[in-house]
Amino acid sequence: MFKNKYVERVEQFINAYFVDRDVKKCMSFFHKNICWIGTGKFEVGNSIEEVEYLLEEYVKQSPDSFILEKLWLDSKEYSKNSHTVFGEYLVCKKTKKGYNFQVEIRITYLCVEYEGEILISSVHNSVANDLQKIGEYFPISLMEAENNRLEAIINEKTKEIEEQRVMLLEANRKLQQLAITDELTGLLNQRAIMGNIKYTVKDNSKNYAIMIIDIDNFKHVNDNYGHLVGDEVIRVMAYIIQSFKDYYLFAGRYGGDEFIVLTENIEKAIHIESKVHNSLLKYNFKELQYKITVSIGISEWIDFDSFEAFLSEADKKLYKAKKSGKNKTIY
């Protein structure tokens, strides 16, 4: 067995070089026969684990390799200042032709004490000269296999992180959308529509127009047909308004049965109010025995001191439309 041969070589080394304490000869022997790696017990443990893992990977690529039959690892402590790991390690060497798998005899971390005197206390990496080549040249090395494995893990984790990031962004987008959207109609809610209009009309370069649309006799619908029918009326009203989105800047639900719309000018507002009246005239609610109508008040942004005054003017005109018989627009 290789282990016995190696023990004999170690004994030969001890008998030949330790007795006369010729440190140079000791180091010469080691440089010719042993590859030094690591500097302590922690590194020793890692080295063993790494070698075992690499061998497992090598088996997957070359199951017929005989190196596994020779592998052995042995860790011993000879004193407080002496720790050795003997073993036959599988290593991969890169050459001009490709990758070459080889066996190296190694002692990992050696600090030898002889009769209280430290003979060897500093270990440096060195590659043994009597390497035993095994197998042929392979296109992929163990290191590449490990790199590929790690790269696959990293790519998978990166993909998972990216998917989670996209999901988080989408969730945040939906939350932001919910925060500004009226749940029943899908239009902007009161807070969002008021904020958008107030910010937009600060630009005095345009004669904006604001519309307040109120469903006539909506309380009668709720009281006599129920809130489900009332909700359906509101949804239909919102759908009709949205169908003219090319003509307005913002549209939202202002209150229970009221909607507010901002246009770039009064001409577009008049176009929308006309289309809304005509659309309702053509629409038949199955649950209702009569047509739904709306009253609309429109004001134009001319010489107003504030957004509140602008809105108040539209509200006053809506009130006039209600008082004058409903189903009409005043501007």
Foldseek 3Di string as FASTA:
>chain_A
DVVVVVVVVVVVLCVVDVVVLPLVVSVVVCQAAAFEDEADDVVVVVVVVVQVVLVVVVCVVPVPFPVVVQWDWDWDAPDPQFIWIWTWGWDWDADPVAIWIWIGTYIYHGFDADPNRTSDRDDDGHGHPPIDTDDDHDRAHSVNVVVVVVVVVVVVVVVVVVVVVVVVVVVVVVVVLVVQADPLARFGEQVNVVVVVQVVVVPVPFWKKKKKKAKPPLVVCCVPVNVVLSSVVQNVLSVLLVVLVVFFDGKYANDSGMIMTMGRFVVSVVVSLVSSLVVQVPDDDPSDPDTIAIEMFMFIPDPDPHPVVSVVNSVVQSVVCVVVPGRYYDD
